[in-house]
Amino acid sequence: MARFVVDVMPKREILDPQGKAVLGALPRLGFEGVLDVRQGKRFEIEVEGEPSDDLLAQVRKMAEILLSNPVIEDFEVHVEEHTVAEIAQEEGR
């Protein structure tokens, strides 16, 4: 099984109201020194087979067509060894 991660973020020139809301809340919660926050989306996709250039291209196409809006968002795709949930479970969270 191949596991890919797609990270989708608003383009820099696009207003990010959720990021701004988080940025505004952090000082009220005692977190100082944060200069900017951008909020995006993360997709963990498992595909049959071993990681390959062909599967990577397939997942990039998924990101381009369905997972992101290329007008206002950028995305990155990479192979992932472990999901966030697996890492948290290993760390006892």
PDB file of N, CA and C in Angstrom:
ATOM      1  N   MET A   1       0.844  -1.171   0.000  1.00  0.00           N
ATOM      2  CA  MET A   1       0.000   0.000   0.000  1.00  0.00           C
ATOM      3  C   MET A   1       0.894   1.241   0.000  1.00  0.00           C
ATOM      4  N   ALA A   2       0.524   2.216  -0.796  1.00  0.00           N
ATOM      5  CA  ALA A   2       1.234   3.486  -0.850  1.00  0.00           C
ATOM      6  C   ALA A   2       0.398   4.536  -0.124  1.00  0.00           C
ATOM      7  N   ARG A   3       1.052   5.374   0.638  1.00  0.00           N
ATOM      8  CA  ARG A   3       0.361   6.435   1.374  1.00  0.00           C
ATOM      9  C   ARG A   3       0.942   7.776   0.918  1.00  0.00           C
ATOM     10  N   PHE A   4       0.050   8.643   0.481  1.00  0.00           N
ATOM     11  CA  PHE A   4       0.454   9.971   0.026  1.00  0.00           C
ATOM     12  C   PHE A   4      -0.244  11.021   0.881  1.00  0.00           C
ATOM     13  N   VAL A   5       0.416  12.157   1.033  1.00  0.00           N
ATOM     14  CA  VAL A   5      -0.176  13.288   1.744  1.00  0.00           C
ATOM     15  C   VAL A   5      -0.274  14.453   0.775  1.00  0.00           C
ATOM     16  N   VAL A   6      -1.447  15.077   0.763  1.00  0.00           N
ATOM     17  CA  VAL A   6      -1.665  16.280  -0.025  1.00  0.00           C
ATOM     18  C   VAL A   6      -1.922  17.416   0.958  1.00  0.00           C
ATOM     19  N   ASP A   7      -1.042  18.410   0.944  1.00  0.00           N
ATOM     20  CA  ASP A   7      -1.223  19.607   1.767  1.00  0.00           C
ATOM     21  C   ASP A   7      -1.713  20.722   0.858  1.00  0.00           C
ATOM     22  N   VAL A   8      -2.849  21.317   1.207  1.00  0.00           N
ATOM     23  CA  VAL A   8      -3.461  22.377   0.413  1.00  0.00           C
ATOM     24  C   VAL A   8      -3.470  23.648   1.258  1.00  0.00           C
ATOM     25  N   MET A   9      -2.956  24.732   0.692  1.00  0.00           N
ATOM     26  CA  MET A   9      -2.900  26.010   1.403  1.00  0.00           C
ATOM     27  C   MET A   9      -3.428  27.124   0.510  1.00  0.00           C
ATOM     28  N   PRO A  10      -4.052  28.139   1.121  1.00  0.00           N
ATOM     29  CA  PRO A  10      -4.458  29.295   0.313  1.00  0.00           C
ATOM     30  C   PRO A  10      -3.211  29.960  -0.275  1.00  0.00           C
ATOM     31  N   LYS A  11      -3.325  30.456  -1.488  1.00  0.00           N
ATOM     32  CA  LYS A  11      -2.209  31.193  -2.074  1.00  0.00           C
ATOM     33  C   LYS A  11      -1.915  32.411  -1.213  1.00  0.00           C
ATOM     34  N   ARG A  12      -0.662  32.847  -1.199  1.00  0.00           N
ATOM     35  CA  ARG A  12      -0.245  33.964  -0.332  1.00  0.00           C
ATOM     36  C   ARG A  12      -1.079  35.221  -0.555  1.00  0.00           C
ATOM     37  N   GLU A  13      -1.473  35.474  -1.796  1.00  0.00           N
ATOM     38  CA  GLU A  13      -2.202  36.710  -2.095  1.00  0.00           C
ATOM     39  C   GLU A  13      -3.687  36.624  -1.746  1.00  0.00           C
ATOM     40  N   ILE A  14      -4.148  35.455  -1.311  1.00  0.00           N
ATOM     41  CA  ILE A  14      -5.557  35.249  -0.968  1.00  0.00           C
ATOM     42  C   ILE A  14      -5.762  35.474   0.534  1.00  0.00           C
ATOM     43  N   LEU A  15      -6.791  36.229   0.878  1.00  0.00           N
ATOM     44  CA  LEU A  15      -7.136  36.463   2.280  1.00  0.00           C
ATOM     45  C   LEU A  15      -7.465  35.134   2.958  1.00  0.00           C
ATOM     46  N   ASP A  16      -6.954  34.951   4.163  1.00  0.00           N
ATOM     47  CA  ASP A  16      -7.175  33.714   4.921  1.00  0.00           C
ATOM     48  C   ASP A  16      -7.866  34.069   6.235  1.00  0.00           C
ATOM     49  N   PRO A  17      -9.204  34.201   6.238  1.00  0.00           N
ATOM     50  CA  PRO A  17      -9.897  34.633   7.452  1.00  0.00           C
ATOM     51  C   PRO A  17      -9.749  33.665   8.622  1.00  0.00           C
ATOM     52  N   GLN A  18      -9.671  32.357   8.365  1.00  0.00           N
ATOM     53  CA  GLN A  18      -9.506  31.402   9.469  1.00  0.00           C
ATOM     54  C   GLN A  18      -8.127  31.564  10.105  1.00  0.00           C
ATOM     55  N   GLY A  19      -7.120  31.747   9.275  1.00  0.00           N
ATOM     56  CA  GLY A  19      -5.775  31.979   9.807  1.00  0.00           C
ATOM     57  C   GLY A  19      -5.715  33.259  10.629  1.00  0.00           C
ATOM     58  N   LYS A  20      -6.376  34.310  10.141  1.00  0.00           N
ATOM     59  CA  LYS A  20      -6.401  35.582  10.876  1.00  0.00           C
ATOM     60  C   LYS A  20      -7.127  35.432  12.210  1.00  0.00           C
ATOM     61  N   ALA A  21      -8.207  34.641  12.243  1.00  0.00           N
ATOM     62  CA  ALA A  21      -8.943  34.420  13.493  1.00  0.00           C
ATOM     63  C   ALA A  21      -8.055  33.695  14.506  1.00  0.00           C
ATOM     64  N   VAL A  22      -7.330  32.700  14.056  1.00  0.00           N
ATOM     65  CA  VAL A  22      -6.412  31.978  14.949  1.00  0.00           C
ATOM     66  C   VAL A  22      -5.315  32.919  15.431  1.00  0.00           C
ATOM     67  N   LEU A  23      -4.762  33.713  14.520  1.00  0.00           N
ATOM     68  CA  LEU A  23      -3.714  34.669  14.884  1.00  0.00           C
ATOM     69  C   LEU A  23      -4.215  35.644  15.952  1.00  0.00           C
ATOM     70  N   GLY A  24      -5.450  36.092  15.831  1.00  0.00           N
ATOM     71  CA  GLY A  24      -6.023  37.004  16.817  1.00  0.00           C
ATOM     72  C   GLY A  24      -6.277  36.350  18.166  1.00  0.00           C
ATOM     73  N   ALA A  25      -6.587  35.057  18.161  1.00  0.00           N
ATOM     74  CA  ALA A  25      -6.902  34.355  19.407  1.00  0.00           C
ATOM     75  C   ALA A  25      -5.660  33.963  20.197  1.00  0.00           C
ATOM     76  N   LEU A  26      -4.563  33.721  19.526  1.00  0.00           N
ATOM     77  CA  LEU A  26      -3.372  33.218  20.228  1.00  0.00           C
ATOM     78  C   LEU A  26      -2.873  34.135  21.340  1.00  0.00           C
ATOM     79  N   PRO A  27      -2.755  35.454  21.135  1.00  0.00           N
ATOM     80  CA  PRO A  27      -2.304  36.312  22.249  1.00  0.00           C
ATOM     81  C   PRO A  27      -3.272  36.300  23.429  1.00  0.00           C
ATOM     82  N   ARG A  28      -4.565  36.199  23.153  1.00  0.00           N
ATOM     83  CA  ARG A  28      -5.547  36.149  24.245  1.00  0.00           C
ATOM     84  C   ARG A  28      -5.406  34.872  25.062  1.00  0.00           C
ATOM     85  N   LEU A  29      -4.802  33.860  24.462  1.00  0.00           N
ATOM     86  CA  LEU A  29      -4.585  32.588  25.166  1.00  0.00           C
ATOM     87  C   LEU A  29      -3.179  32.499  25.767  1.00  0.00           C
ATOM     88  N   GLY A  30      -2.427  33.595  25.675  1.00  0.00           N
ATOM     89  CA  GLY A  30      -1.105  33.630  26.293  1.00  0.00           C
ATOM     90  C   GLY A  30       0.044  33.259  25.373  1.00  0.00           C
ATOM     91  N   PHE A  31      -0.196  33.102  24.088  1.00  0.00           N
ATOM     92  CA  PHE A  31       0.868  32.762  23.145  1.00  0.00           C
ATOM     93  C   PHE A  31       1.339  34.036  22.458  1.00  0.00           C
ATOM     94  N   GLU A  32       2.551  34.446  22.754  1.00  0.00           N
ATOM     95  CA  GLU A  32       3.084  35.694  22.216  1.00  0.00           C
ATOM     96  C   GLU A  32       4.111  35.411  21.120  1.00  0.00           C
ATOM     97  N   GLY A  33       4.313  36.399  20.261  1.00  0.00           N
ATOM     98  CA  GLY A  33       5.374  36.319  19.262  1.00  0.00           C
ATOM     99  C   GLY A  33       4.992  35.654  17.956  1.00  0.00           C
ATOM    100  N   VAL A  34       3.747  35.212  17.813  1.00  0.00           N
ATOM    101  CA  VAL A  34       3.323  34.592  16.554  1.00  0.00           C
ATOM    102  C   VAL A  34       3.059  35.714  15.550  1.00  0.00           C
ATOM    103  N   LEU A  35       3.730  35.669  14.411  1.00  0.00           N
ATOM    104  CA  LEU A  35       3.626  36.733  13.425  1.00  0.00           C
ATOM    105  C   LEU A  35       2.552  36.490  12.369  1.00  0.00           C
ATOM    106  N   ASP A  36       2.280  35.240  12.032  1.00  0.00           N
ATOM    107  CA  ASP A  36       1.279  34.953  11.008  1.00  0.00           C
ATOM    108  C   ASP A  36       0.801  33.520  11.160  1.00  0.00           C
ATOM    109  N   VAL A  37      -0.428  33.279  10.756  1.00  0.00           N
ATOM    110  CA  VAL A  37      -1.001  31.932  10.734  1.00  0.00           C
ATOM    111  C   VAL A  37      -1.736  31.774   9.414  1.00  0.00           C
ATOM    112  N   ARG A  38      -1.502  30.677   8.729  1.00  0.00           N
ATOM    113  CA  ARG A  38      -2.232  30.321   7.517  1.00  0.00           C
ATOM    114  C   ARG A  38      -2.864  28.954   7.778  1.00  0.00           C
ATOM    115  N   GLN A  39      -4.128  28.815   7.492  1.00  0.00           N
ATOM    116  CA  GLN A  39      -4.818  27.546   7.717  1.00  0.00           C
ATOM    117  C   GLN A  39      -5.078  26.873   6.377  1.00  0.00           C
ATOM    118  N   GLY A  40      -4.782  25.577   6.336  1.00  0.00           N
ATOM    119  CA  GLY A  40      -4.996  24.818   5.112  1.00  0.00           C
ATOM    120  C   GLY A  40      -5.687  23.499   5.392  1.00  0.00           C
ATOM    121  N   LYS A  41      -5.528  22.573   4.458  1.00  0.00           N
ATOM    122  CA  LYS A  41      -6.142  21.249   4.564  1.00  0.00           C
ATOM    123  C   LYS A  41      -5.064  20.205   4.319  1.00  0.00           C
ATOM    124  N   ARG A  42      -5.213  19.055   4.958  1.00  0.00           N
ATOM    125  CA  ARG A  42      -4.300  17.924   4.761  1.00  0.00           C
ATOM    126  C   ARG A  42      -5.139  16.700   4.434  1.00  0.00           C
ATOM    127  N   PHE A  43      -4.762  16.008   3.373  1.00  0.00           N
ATOM    128  CA  PHE A  43      -5.422  14.768   2.972  1.00  0.00           C
ATOM    129  C   PHE A  43      -4.398  13.649   3.034  1.00  0.00           C
ATOM    130  N   GLU A  44      -4.740  12.540   3.657  1.00  0.00           N
ATOM    131  CA  GLU A  44      -3.905  11.340   3.668  1.00  0.00           C
ATOM    132  C   GLU A  44      -4.611  10.306   2.797  1.00  0.00           C
ATOM    133  N   ILE A  45      -3.956   9.901   1.734  1.00  0.00           N
ATOM    134  CA  ILE A  45      -4.575   9.029   0.733  1.00  0.00           C
ATOM    135  C   ILE A  45      -3.785   7.733   0.633  1.00  0.00           C
ATOM    136  N   GLU A  46      -4.467   6.619   0.828  1.00  0.00           N
ATOM    137  CA  GLU A  46      -3.844   5.306   0.688  1.00  0.00           C
ATOM    138  C   GLU A  46      -4.278   4.713  -0.643  1.00  0.00           C
ATOM    139  N   VAL A  47      -3.303   4.190  -1.396  1.00  0.00           N
ATOM    140  CA  VAL A  47      -3.542   3.661  -2.733  1.00  0.00           C
ATOM    141  C   VAL A  47      -2.941   2.263  -2.803  1.00  0.00           C
ATOM    142  N   GLU A  48      -3.602   1.367  -3.505  1.00  0.00           N
ATOM    143  CA  GLU A  48      -3.064   0.019  -3.688  1.00  0.00           C
ATOM    144  C   GLU A  48      -1.730   0.092  -4.422  1.00  0.00           C
ATOM    145  N   GLY A  49      -0.807  -0.771  -4.025  1.00  0.00           N
ATOM    146  CA  GLY A  49       0.490  -0.843  -4.685  1.00  0.00           C
ATOM    147  C   GLY A  49       1.566  -0.112  -3.918  1.00  0.00           C
ATOM    148  N   GLU A  50       2.763  -0.211  -4.425  1.00  0.00           N
ATOM    149  CA  GLU A  50       3.912   0.460  -3.820  1.00  0.00           C
ATOM    150  C   GLU A  50       4.031   1.879  -4.383  1.00  0.00           C
ATOM    151  N   PRO A  51       4.617   2.813  -3.611  1.00  0.00           N
ATOM    152  CA  PRO A  51       4.798   4.171  -4.124  1.00  0.00           C
ATOM    153  C   PRO A  51       5.588   4.154  -5.432  1.00  0.00           C
ATOM    154  N   SER A  52       5.111   4.925  -6.393  1.00  0.00           N
ATOM    155  CA  SER A  52       5.781   5.011  -7.688  1.00  0.00           C
ATOM    156  C   SER A  52       5.512   6.382  -8.293  1.00  0.00           C
ATOM    157  N   ASP A  53       6.246   6.708  -9.331  1.00  0.00           N
ATOM    158  CA  ASP A  53       6.021   7.974 -10.026  1.00  0.00           C
ATOM    159  C   ASP A  53       4.619   8.030 -10.628  1.00  0.00           C
ATOM    160  N   ASP A  54       4.122   6.883 -11.126  1.00  0.00           N
ATOM    161  CA  ASP A  54       2.777   6.848 -11.710  1.00  0.00           C
ATOM    162  C   ASP A  54       1.707   7.129 -10.654  1.00  0.00           C
ATOM    163  N   LEU A  55       1.838   6.504  -9.475  1.00  0.00           N
ATOM    164  CA  LEU A  55       0.864   6.763  -8.404  1.00  0.00           C
ATOM    165  C   LEU A  55       0.957   8.200  -7.917  1.00  0.00           C
ATOM    166  N   LEU A  56       2.177   8.721  -7.812  1.00  0.00           N
ATOM    167  CA  LEU A  56       2.358  10.104  -7.404  1.00  0.00           C
ATOM    168  C   LEU A  56       1.662  11.044  -8.397  1.00  0.00           C
ATOM    169  N   ALA A  57       1.796  10.769  -9.675  1.00  0.00           N
ATOM    170  CA  ALA A  57       1.134  11.579 -10.700  1.00  0.00           C
ATOM    171  C   ALA A  57      -0.385  11.484 -10.571  1.00  0.00           C
ATOM    172  N   GLN A  58      -0.894  10.293 -10.260  1.00  0.00           N
ATOM    173  CA  GLN A  58      -2.336  10.113 -10.055  1.00  0.00           C
ATOM    174  C   GLN A  58      -2.840  10.962  -8.895  1.00  0.00           C
ATOM    175  N   VAL A  59      -2.113  10.933  -7.793  1.00  0.00           N
ATOM    176  CA  VAL A  59      -2.534  11.697  -6.613  1.00  0.00           C
ATOM    177  C   VAL A  59      -2.423  13.195  -6.897  1.00  0.00           C
ATOM    178  N   ARG A  60      -1.408  13.608  -7.629  1.00  0.00           N
ATOM    179  CA  ARG A  60      -1.313  15.027  -8.012  1.00  0.00           C
ATOM    180  C   ARG A  60      -2.535  15.439  -8.843  1.00  0.00           C
ATOM    181  N   LYS A  61      -2.966  14.562  -9.733  1.00  0.00           N
ATOM    182  CA  LYS A  61      -4.146  14.855 -10.552  1.00  0.00           C
ATOM    183  C   LYS A  61      -5.387  14.960  -9.664  1.00  0.00           C
ATOM    184  N   MET A  62      -5.503  14.070  -8.654  1.00  0.00           N
ATOM    185  CA  MET A  62      -6.617  14.155  -7.702  1.00  0.00           C
ATOM    186  C   MET A  62      -6.618  15.519  -7.015  1.00  0.00           C
ATOM    187  N   ALA A  63      -5.439  15.947  -6.595  1.00  0.00           N
ATOM    188  CA  ALA A  63      -5.319  17.225  -5.889  1.00  0.00           C
ATOM    189  C   ALA A  63      -5.695  18.384  -6.797  1.00  0.00           C
ATOM    190  N   GLU A  64      -5.276  18.304  -8.030  1.00  0.00           N
ATOM    191  CA  GLU A  64      -5.554  19.378  -8.983  1.00  0.00           C
ATOM    192  C   GLU A  64      -7.038  19.471  -9.323  1.00  0.00           C
ATOM    193  N   ILE A  65      -7.692  18.307  -9.483  1.00  0.00           N
ATOM    194  CA  ILE A  65      -9.077  18.277  -9.952  1.00  0.00           C
ATOM    195  C   ILE A  65     -10.092  18.387  -8.810  1.00  0.00           C
ATOM    196  N   LEU A  66      -9.823  17.719  -7.680  1.00  0.00           N
ATOM    197  CA  LEU A  66     -10.843  17.607  -6.637  1.00  0.00           C
ATOM    198  C   LEU A  66     -10.448  18.214  -5.294  1.00  0.00           C
ATOM    199  N   LEU A  67      -9.231  17.999  -4.852  1.00  0.00           N
ATOM    200  CA  LEU A  67      -8.856  18.336  -3.478  1.00  0.00           C
ATOM    201  C   LEU A  67      -8.510  19.803  -3.278  1.00  0.00           C
ATOM    202  N   SER A  68      -8.197  20.505  -4.348  1.00  0.00           N
ATOM    203  CA  SER A  68      -7.851  21.917  -4.221  1.00  0.00           C
ATOM    204  C   SER A  68      -8.585  22.732  -5.273  1.00  0.00           C
ATOM    205  N   ASN A  69      -8.635  24.017  -5.038  1.00  0.00           N
ATOM    206  CA  ASN A  69      -9.138  24.970  -6.021  1.00  0.00           C
ATOM    207  C   ASN A  69      -7.924  25.721  -6.546  1.00  0.00           C
ATOM    208  N   PRO A  70      -7.421  25.365  -7.736  1.00  0.00           N
ATOM    209  CA  PRO A  70      -6.163  25.946  -8.214  1.00  0.00           C
ATOM    210  C   PRO A  70      -6.212  27.456  -8.424  1.00  0.00           C
ATOM    211  N   VAL A  71      -7.391  28.044  -8.438  1.00  0.00           N
ATOM    212  CA  VAL A  71      -7.490  29.493  -8.580  1.00  0.00           C
ATOM    213  C   VAL A  71      -7.017  30.189  -7.305  1.00  0.00           C
ATOM    214  N   ILE A  72      -7.346  29.609  -6.139  1.00  0.00           N
ATOM    215  CA  ILE A  72      -7.030  30.284  -4.874  1.00  0.00           C
ATOM    216  C   ILE A  72      -6.126  29.468  -3.953  1.00  0.00           C
ATOM    217  N   GLU A  73      -5.791  28.208  -4.330  1.00  0.00           N
ATOM    218  CA  GLU A  73      -4.999  27.357  -3.448  1.00  0.00           C
ATOM    219  C   GLU A  73      -3.810  26.740  -4.187  1.00  0.00           C
ATOM    220  N   ASP A  74      -2.751  26.510  -3.429  1.00  0.00           N
ATOM    221  CA  ASP A  74      -1.600  25.738  -3.886  1.00  0.00           C
ATOM    222  C   ASP A  74      -1.620  24.408  -3.152  1.00  0.00           C
ATOM    223  N   PHE A  75      -0.972  23.394  -3.739  1.00  0.00           N
ATOM    224  CA  PHE A  75      -0.896  22.109  -3.051  1.00  0.00           C
ATOM    225  C   PHE A  75       0.472  21.479  -3.259  1.00  0.00           C
ATOM    226  N   GLU A  76       0.833  20.612  -2.316  1.00  0.00           N
ATOM    227  CA  GLU A  76       2.039  19.801  -2.396  1.00  0.00           C
ATOM    228  C   GLU A  76       1.639  18.356  -2.124  1.00  0.00           C
ATOM    229  N   VAL A  77       2.286  17.432  -2.818  1.00  0.00           N
ATOM    230  CA  VAL A  77       2.017  16.009  -2.640  1.00  0.00           C
ATOM    231  C   VAL A  77       3.330  15.324  -2.306  1.00  0.00           C
ATOM    232  N   HIS A  78       3.306  14.453  -1.298  1.00  0.00           N
ATOM    233  CA  HIS A  78       4.499  13.672  -0.995  1.00  0.00           C
ATOM    234  C   HIS A  78       4.108  12.305  -0.424  1.00  0.00           C
ATOM    235  N   VAL A  79       5.050  11.389  -0.479  1.00  0.00           N
ATOM    236  CA  VAL A  79       4.856  10.055   0.081  1.00  0.00           C
ATOM    237  C   VAL A  79       5.030  10.163   1.587  1.00  0.00           C
ATOM    238  N   GLU A  80       4.154   9.504   2.335  1.00  0.00           N
ATOM    239  CA  GLU A  80       4.187   9.552   3.798  1.00  0.00           C
ATOM    240  C   GLU A  80       4.443   8.159   4.347  1.00  0.00           C
ATOM    241  N   GLU A  81       5.303   8.098   5.330  1.00  0.00           N
ATOM    242  CA  GLU A  81       5.589   6.807   5.972  1.00  0.00           C
ATOM    243  C   GLU A  81       4.525   6.445   7.003  1.00  0.00           C
ATOM    244  N   HIS A  82       4.068   7.434   7.788  1.00  0.00           N
ATOM    245  CA  HIS A  82       3.083   7.197   8.846  1.00  0.00           C
ATOM    246  C   HIS A  82       2.064   8.319   8.829  1.00  0.00           C
ATOM    247  N   THR A  83       0.816   8.004   9.174  1.00  0.00           N
ATOM    248  CA  THR A  83      -0.211   9.036   9.274  1.00  0.00           C
ATOM    249  C   THR A  83      -0.043   9.798  10.589  1.00  0.00           C
ATOM    250  N   VAL A  84      -0.648  10.953  10.670  1.00  0.00           N
ATOM    251  CA  VAL A  84      -0.632  11.735  11.907  1.00  0.00           C
ATOM    252  C   VAL A  84      -1.245  10.927  13.040  1.00  0.00           C
ATOM    253  N   ALA A  85      -2.333  10.211  12.764  1.00  0.00           N
ATOM    254  CA  ALA A  85      -2.998   9.398  13.797  1.00  0.00           C
ATOM    255  C   ALA A  85      -2.069   8.304  14.315  1.00  0.00           C
ATOM    256  N   GLU A  86      -1.319   7.658  13.429  1.00  0.00           N
ATOM    257  CA  GLU A  86      -0.392   6.610  13.859  1.00  0.00           C
ATOM    258  C   GLU A  86       0.727   7.176  14.725  1.00  0.00           C
ATOM    259  N   ILE A  87       1.244   8.332  14.351  1.00  0.00           N
ATOM    260  CA  ILE A  87       2.319   8.960  15.133  1.00  0.00           C
ATOM    261  C   ILE A  87       1.791   9.332  16.519  1.00  0.00           C
ATOM    262  N   ALA A  88       0.592   9.914  16.581  1.00  0.00           N
ATOM    263  CA  ALA A  88      -0.001  10.294  17.864  1.00  0.00           C
ATOM    264  C   ALA A  88      -0.230   9.058  18.740  1.00  0.00           C
ATOM    265  N   GLN A  89      -0.677   7.975  18.125  1.00  0.00           N
ATOM    266  CA  GLN A  89      -0.926   6.744  18.877  1.00  0.00           C
ATOM    267  C   GLN A  89       0.387   6.204  19.426  1.00  0.00           C
ATOM    268  N   GLU A  90       1.454   6.245  18.621  1.00  0.00           N
ATOM    269  CA  GLU A  90       2.764   5.761  19.077  1.00  0.00           C
ATOM    270  C   GLU A  90       3.288   6.604  20.231  1.00  0.00           C
ATOM    271  N   GLU A  91       2.966   7.895  20.218  1.00  0.00           N
ATOM    272  CA  GLU A  91       3.447   8.804  21.267  1.00  0.00           C
ATOM    273  C   GLU A  91       2.509   8.796  22.479  1.00  0.00           C
ATOM    274  N   GLY A  92       1.424   8.019  22.416  1.00  0.00           N
ATOM    275  CA  GLY A  92       0.533   7.887  23.564  1.00  0.00           C
ATOM    276  C   GLY A  92      -0.411   9.057  23.742  1.00  0.00           C
ATOM    277  N   ARG A  93      -0.716   9.762  22.676  1.00  0.00           N
ATOM    278  CA  ARG A  93      -1.640  10.913  22.768  1.00  0.00           C
ATOM    279  C   ARG A  93      -3.054  10.466  22.771  1.00  0.00           C
TER     280      ARG A  93
END
